[in-house]
Amino acid sequence: FPLGSLVTLTDGSVARVLRRNGTQYMTPIVQRLQNAQGQRVDVNALENIIDLAQSPLKVAQALPTPGKAEVSLTEALKMFDEETR
């Protein structure tokens, strides 16, 4: 996961990737930004800095970066299909 990217954790909370975790690329160290109910949390509280290699939580989903003009994969494939006809 790229540094600074946003992810949803298995408990439904949202976190930002702070750094990689050695060679354990699927279990980065993250900073929780909001809880599962969508409420902001104290990002400086130690319990919101989570080493996913040492936690029962895992990354459930990568989220799009805010402000990026992204095209959904479905739309991109549809455009590619139309161009190749």
Protein backbone atom coordinates (compact mmCIF):
# COMPACT_ATOMS: atom_id res chain seq x y z
CA PHE A 1 0.00 0.00 0.00
CA PRO A 2 1.46 3.38 -0.94
CA LEU A 3 2.38 5.69 1.93
CA GLY A 4 -0.43 8.12 2.63
CA SER A 5 -3.07 5.96 0.97
CA LEU A 6 -6.38 5.37 2.70
CA VAL A 7 -7.72 1.95 3.63
CA THR A 8 -10.75 0.46 5.32
CA LEU A 9 -9.92 -1.97 8.11
CA THR A 10 -11.82 -5.15 8.89
CA ASP A 11 -13.63 -3.42 11.78
CA GLY A 12 -15.03 -0.80 9.36
CA SER A 13 -12.75 2.03 10.45
CA VAL A 14 -10.71 4.14 8.01
CA ALA A 15 -6.95 4.56 8.31
CA ARG A 16 -4.03 6.15 6.49
CA VAL A 17 -0.92 4.11 5.67
CA LEU A 18 2.03 5.59 7.59
CA ARG A 19 4.78 3.19 6.60
CA ARG A 20 5.46 -0.28 5.34
CA ASN A 21 6.18 -3.05 7.78
CA GLY A 22 9.50 -4.52 6.72
CA THR A 23 8.74 -7.10 4.04
CA GLN A 24 5.18 -7.63 5.26
CA TYR A 25 3.57 -5.49 2.57
CA MET A 26 -0.01 -6.50 3.34
CA THR A 27 0.28 -5.43 6.99
CA PRO A 28 1.48 -1.81 7.04
CA ILE A 29 1.54 0.50 10.03
CA VAL A 30 -1.54 2.70 9.83
CA GLN A 31 -3.11 5.67 11.59
CA ARG A 32 -6.84 5.35 12.22
CA LEU A 33 -8.69 8.50 11.07
CA GLN A 34 -12.28 7.54 11.81
CA ASN A 35 -14.08 4.76 13.60
CA ALA A 36 -16.55 2.30 12.10
CA GLN A 37 -19.40 4.76 12.75
CA GLY A 38 -17.66 7.42 10.62
CA GLN A 39 -16.68 9.62 13.56
CA ARG A 40 -13.25 11.24 13.59
CA VAL A 41 -10.85 9.94 16.20
CA ASP A 42 -7.86 11.52 17.93
CA VAL A 43 -5.21 10.70 15.34
CA ASN A 44 -2.43 11.39 17.85
CA ALA A 45 -3.70 8.86 20.40
CA LEU A 46 -1.40 5.85 20.58
CA GLU A 47 -4.30 3.40 20.20
CA ASN A 48 -4.93 4.86 16.73
CA ILE A 49 -1.44 4.03 15.47
CA ILE A 50 -1.78 0.37 14.54
CA ASP A 51 0.85 -2.14 13.47
CA LEU A 52 -1.32 -4.48 11.41
CA ALA A 53 1.28 -7.25 11.72
CA GLN A 54 0.62 -7.24 15.48
CA SER A 55 -3.15 -6.68 15.33
CA PRO A 56 -6.18 -8.84 14.60
CA LEU A 57 -7.26 -6.05 12.21
CA LYS A 58 -6.39 -6.32 8.53
CA VAL A 59 -6.88 -4.15 5.46
CA ALA A 60 -10.32 -4.89 4.04
CA GLN A 61 -10.18 -2.47 1.12
CA ALA A 62 -8.01 0.25 -0.39
CA LEU A 63 -9.86 3.55 -0.83
CA PRO A 64 -9.44 6.13 -3.60
CA THR A 65 -7.27 9.08 -2.74
CA PRO A 66 -9.43 12.18 -2.15
CA GLY A 67 -9.21 14.71 -4.94
CA LYS A 68 -7.96 12.27 -7.55
CA ALA A 69 -9.93 12.02 -10.77
CA GLU A 70 -10.13 8.27 -11.00
CA VAL A 71 -12.01 6.19 -13.52
CA SER A 72 -13.69 3.05 -12.26
CA LEU A 73 -12.26 -0.19 -13.59
CA THR A 74 -15.64 -1.11 -15.08
CA GLU A 75 -15.77 2.16 -17.04
CA ALA A 76 -12.16 1.80 -18.17
CA LEU A 77 -12.80 -1.72 -19.46
CA LYS A 78 -15.97 -0.57 -21.24
CA MET A 79 -14.04 2.26 -22.95
CA PHE A 80 -11.27 -0.16 -23.95
CA ASP A 81 -13.83 -2.60 -25.35
CA GLU A 82 -15.49 0.15 -27.39
CA GLU A 83 -12.14 1.35 -28.75
CA THR A 84 -11.09 -2.14 -29.87
CA ARG A 85 -14.29 -2.84 -31.84
